[in-house]
Amino acid sequence: MSFTTVVGFIAPLLSVAFIWPQVVRVFVKDSTEGLSPTSFLQGCTGSAMWTIYGIYKPNTQVAFANFSIVLAIVLILLVCVRHKKIKLWVPVLVLSTVSIVGLVVANYSMTMMGWFTVAIGTPAIIPQVVRVYRTERLYGVSATTHGLLFACCITWFTYGALIGDWFVALPNIVGISGSFYIWMRALNSHRKYSAPVEAATN
């Protein structure tokens, strides 16, 4: 078994795994304190585009990993809707539109699809980084998720480089730095605050 095969196996496993501690945290703690719905919505649209990209490429690892992320983020967004942090029609409209556009572009040109996917997905973590920077209280943010995301981005960067697909590799540079920052800040916040004060982030 080659090194590329091993990395290609680990990358989607991390992609499937990393987001679920965040899903569990928002449901168990019933808190979205410190979360940026904008960041999660953009991440969801980016993963929807990556799912389409993986199907059309075809690349099963990319398609499967990103479809699982879409499902997980939809659950997180539903909690954000319940907490009145985002209106339901916003993710419904955005995800529907992006999926239609993605299918059209993928049928037209995979190169263009790659650029669209990178443009939408790469900056998705930035609103969450900004949110974390602006608040001390991150009770709703899962440190485990962002630690796993850090490892996930490193693995996808390596895998993309090994197969020579820079659409897969390069966007992870943003994810590596952003996830590490959020991971460290979340750990520190959880040590300082043992209960949410949701009003403090509104």
Protein backbone atom coordinates (compact mmCIF):
# COMPACT_ATOMS: atom_id res chain seq x y z
CA MET A 1 0.00 0.00 0.00
CA SER A 2 1.48 3.35 -1.07
CA PHE A 3 1.86 6.42 1.14
CA THR A 4 -0.60 8.29 -1.10
CA THR A 5 -3.21 5.56 -0.60
CA VAL A 6 -2.76 5.70 3.19
CA VAL A 7 -3.08 9.50 3.26
CA GLY A 8 -6.06 9.30 0.90
CA PHE A 9 -7.72 6.91 3.35
CA ILE A 10 -6.97 8.99 6.47
CA ALA A 11 -8.07 12.34 4.97
CA PRO A 12 -11.76 11.46 4.45
CA LEU A 13 -11.87 9.69 7.83
CA LEU A 14 -10.75 12.90 9.53
CA SER A 15 -13.24 14.87 7.42
CA VAL A 16 -16.05 12.61 8.57
CA ALA A 17 -14.87 12.75 12.19
CA PHE A 18 -13.86 16.37 12.79
CA ILE A 19 -17.26 18.08 12.61
CA TRP A 20 -19.26 15.68 14.79
CA PRO A 21 -17.87 16.80 18.19
CA GLN A 22 -19.23 20.25 17.30
CA VAL A 23 -22.62 18.75 16.48
CA VAL A 24 -22.64 16.88 19.79
CA ARG A 25 -21.57 20.01 21.72
CA VAL A 26 -24.32 22.28 20.37
CA PHE A 27 -26.98 19.66 21.10
CA VAL A 28 -25.71 18.41 24.48
CA LYS A 29 -24.76 21.85 25.82
CA ASP A 30 -27.64 23.52 23.96
CA SER A 31 -25.31 26.42 23.25
CA THR A 32 -24.20 28.24 20.14
CA GLU A 33 -22.17 30.76 22.13
CA GLY A 34 -19.12 31.81 20.14
CA LEU A 35 -20.29 30.21 16.88
CA SER A 36 -20.52 32.15 13.64
CA PRO A 37 -23.58 30.97 11.65
CA THR A 38 -22.13 32.77 8.61
CA SER A 39 -18.97 30.69 8.83
CA PHE A 40 -20.89 27.43 9.12
CA LEU A 41 -23.25 28.35 6.28
CA GLN A 42 -20.32 29.22 4.02
CA GLY A 43 -18.56 26.02 5.07
CA CYS A 44 -21.70 24.07 4.23
CA THR A 45 -21.98 25.64 0.77
CA GLY A 46 -18.27 25.01 0.19
CA SER A 47 -18.65 21.35 1.17
CA ALA A 48 -21.71 21.05 -1.09
CA MET A 49 -19.57 22.32 -3.97
CA TRP A 50 -16.74 19.92 -3.00
CA THR A 51 -19.28 17.07 -2.98
CA ILE A 52 -20.31 17.89 -6.52
CA TYR A 53 -16.65 18.31 -7.53
CA GLY A 54 -15.82 14.89 -6.08
CA ILE A 55 -18.74 13.23 -7.87
CA TYR A 56 -17.85 14.70 -11.25
CA LYS A 57 -14.05 14.36 -10.93
CA PRO A 58 -14.62 11.51 -9.92
CA ASN A 59 -12.98 11.31 -6.48
CA THR A 60 -14.91 9.20 -4.00
CA GLN A 61 -12.88 10.39 -0.98
CA VAL A 62 -13.61 14.06 -1.67
CA ALA A 63 -17.32 13.45 -2.41
CA PHE A 64 -18.01 11.22 0.61
CA ALA A 65 -16.07 13.34 3.11
CA ASN A 66 -17.73 16.58 2.08
CA PHE A 67 -21.24 15.12 1.94
CA SER A 68 -20.85 14.04 5.58
CA ILE A 69 -19.74 17.59 6.45
CA VAL A 70 -22.84 19.02 4.75
CA LEU A 71 -25.10 16.78 6.84
CA ALA A 72 -23.33 17.71 10.09
CA ILE A 73 -23.35 21.45 9.42
CA VAL A 74 -27.06 21.37 8.54
CA LEU A 75 -27.67 19.98 12.05
CA ILE A 76 -25.57 22.78 13.58
CA LEU A 77 -27.42 25.39 11.53
CA LEU A 78 -30.76 24.02 12.75
CA VAL A 79 -29.66 24.72 16.33
CA CYS A 80 -28.56 28.21 15.25
CA VAL A 81 -32.05 28.70 13.76
CA ARG A 82 -33.64 27.55 17.03
CA HIS A 83 -31.44 30.01 18.94
CA LYS A 84 -32.52 32.76 16.51
CA LYS A 85 -28.98 33.34 15.25
CA ILE A 86 -30.02 32.81 11.64
CA LYS A 87 -33.37 32.61 9.85
CA LEU A 88 -34.30 29.23 8.33
CA TRP A 89 -34.93 30.60 4.85
CA VAL A 90 -31.32 31.83 4.57
CA PRO A 91 -29.56 28.41 4.57
CA VAL A 92 -32.38 26.86 2.53
CA LEU A 93 -32.05 29.52 -0.20
CA VAL A 94 -28.24 29.61 -0.17
CA LEU A 95 -27.75 25.82 -0.27
CA SER A 96 -30.36 25.36 -3.00
CA THR A 97 -28.82 28.09 -5.16
CA VAL A 98 -25.24 26.88 -4.70
CA SER A 99 -26.19 23.27 -5.48
CA ILE A 100 -27.90 24.29 -8.73
CA VAL A 101 -25.00 26.53 -9.75
CA GLY A 102 -22.51 23.79 -8.85
CA LEU A 103 -24.26 21.20 -11.02
CA VAL A 104 -24.41 23.60 -13.97
CA VAL A 105 -20.75 24.62 -13.68
CA ALA A 106 -19.54 21.02 -13.18
CA ASN A 107 -21.30 19.99 -16.40
CA TYR A 108 -19.67 22.89 -18.23
CA SER A 109 -16.06 22.80 -16.96
CA MET A 110 -14.34 20.94 -14.13
CA THR A 111 -11.54 23.52 -14.08
CA MET A 112 -14.08 26.29 -13.55
CA MET A 113 -15.80 24.12 -10.96
CA GLY A 114 -12.49 23.78 -9.11
CA TRP A 115 -12.03 27.55 -8.99
CA PHE A 116 -15.63 28.10 -7.85
CA THR A 117 -15.20 25.52 -5.12
CA VAL A 118 -11.95 27.03 -3.87
CA ALA A 119 -13.42 30.55 -3.94
CA ILE A 120 -16.46 29.54 -1.86
CA GLY A 121 -14.94 26.99 0.51
CA THR A 122 -11.50 28.39 1.31
CA PRO A 123 -12.53 31.54 3.24
CA ALA A 124 -15.35 29.78 5.13
CA ILE A 125 -13.38 29.61 8.37
CA ILE A 126 -12.57 33.35 8.38
CA PRO A 127 -15.89 34.59 9.91
CA GLN A 128 -15.41 32.06 12.72
CA VAL A 129 -11.83 33.26 13.28
CA VAL A 130 -13.11 36.84 13.48
CA ARG A 131 -15.88 35.80 15.90
CA VAL A 132 -13.36 33.99 18.12
CA TYR A 133 -11.02 36.97 18.04
CA ARG A 134 -13.81 39.31 19.18
CA THR A 135 -15.13 37.29 22.12
CA GLU A 136 -13.70 35.59 25.19
CA ARG A 137 -16.69 33.31 25.66
CA LEU A 138 -16.60 30.31 23.34
CA TYR A 139 -18.71 27.85 25.30
CA GLY A 140 -20.51 26.59 22.18
CA VAL A 141 -17.27 26.10 20.21
CA SER A 142 -15.85 22.56 20.22
CA ALA A 143 -12.09 22.53 20.83
CA THR A 144 -12.03 18.87 19.74
CA THR A 145 -13.57 19.75 16.37
CA HIS A 146 -10.97 22.38 15.64
CA GLY A 147 -8.09 20.18 16.79
CA LEU A 148 -9.32 17.47 14.43
CA LEU A 149 -9.88 20.07 11.69
CA PHE A 150 -6.26 21.16 12.07
CA ALA A 151 -5.12 17.56 11.50
CA CYS A 152 -7.67 17.15 8.71
CA CYS A 153 -6.43 20.19 6.77
CA ILE A 154 -2.81 19.04 7.05
CA THR A 155 -3.81 15.61 5.72
CA TRP A 156 -5.86 17.00 2.81
CA PHE A 157 -3.02 19.38 1.89
CA THR A 158 -0.63 16.42 1.80
CA TYR A 159 -3.04 14.25 -0.17
CA GLY A 160 -3.75 16.99 -2.72
CA ALA A 161 -0.03 17.60 -3.19
CA LEU A 162 0.66 13.87 -3.61
CA ILE A 163 -1.98 13.42 -6.34
CA GLY A 164 -1.08 16.74 -7.97
CA ASP A 165 -4.54 18.29 -7.44
CA TRP A 166 -3.83 21.77 -6.13
CA PHE A 167 -7.53 22.60 -5.97
CA VAL A 168 -7.63 20.04 -3.15
CA ALA A 169 -4.28 20.97 -1.55
CA LEU A 170 -3.89 24.75 -1.43
CA PRO A 171 -7.18 25.82 0.22
CA ASN A 172 -6.13 23.86 3.30
CA ILE A 173 -3.41 26.39 4.11
CA VAL A 174 -6.14 28.77 5.30
CA GLY A 175 -7.82 25.97 7.23
CA ILE A 176 -4.60 24.92 8.95
CA SER A 177 -3.89 28.37 10.39
CA GLY A 178 -7.53 29.23 11.18
CA SER A 179 -8.36 25.94 12.89
CA PHE A 180 -5.21 26.05 15.03
CA TYR A 181 -6.08 29.55 16.27
CA ILE A 182 -9.68 28.61 17.11
CA TRP A 183 -8.54 25.37 18.76
CA MET A 184 -6.18 27.20 21.13
CA ARG A 185 -8.69 29.95 21.94
CA ALA A 186 -11.49 27.45 22.59
CA LEU A 187 -9.33 25.42 24.98
CA ASN A 188 -8.47 28.58 26.90
CA SER A 189 -12.10 29.75 27.02
CA HIS A 190 -13.36 26.37 28.27
CA ARG A 191 -10.86 26.52 31.12
CA LYS A 192 -12.07 29.99 32.11
CA TYR A 193 -15.83 29.64 31.63
CA SER A 194 -17.79 26.58 32.70
CA ALA A 195 -21.22 27.82 31.63
CA PRO A 196 -22.57 29.82 28.70
CA VAL A 197 -23.74 33.40 28.81
CA GLU A 198 -25.46 33.49 25.43
CA ALA A 199 -26.38 37.15 25.76
CA ALA A 200 -22.72 38.08 25.90
CA THR A 201 -22.23 37.09 22.26
CA ASN A 202 -25.39 38.68 20.88
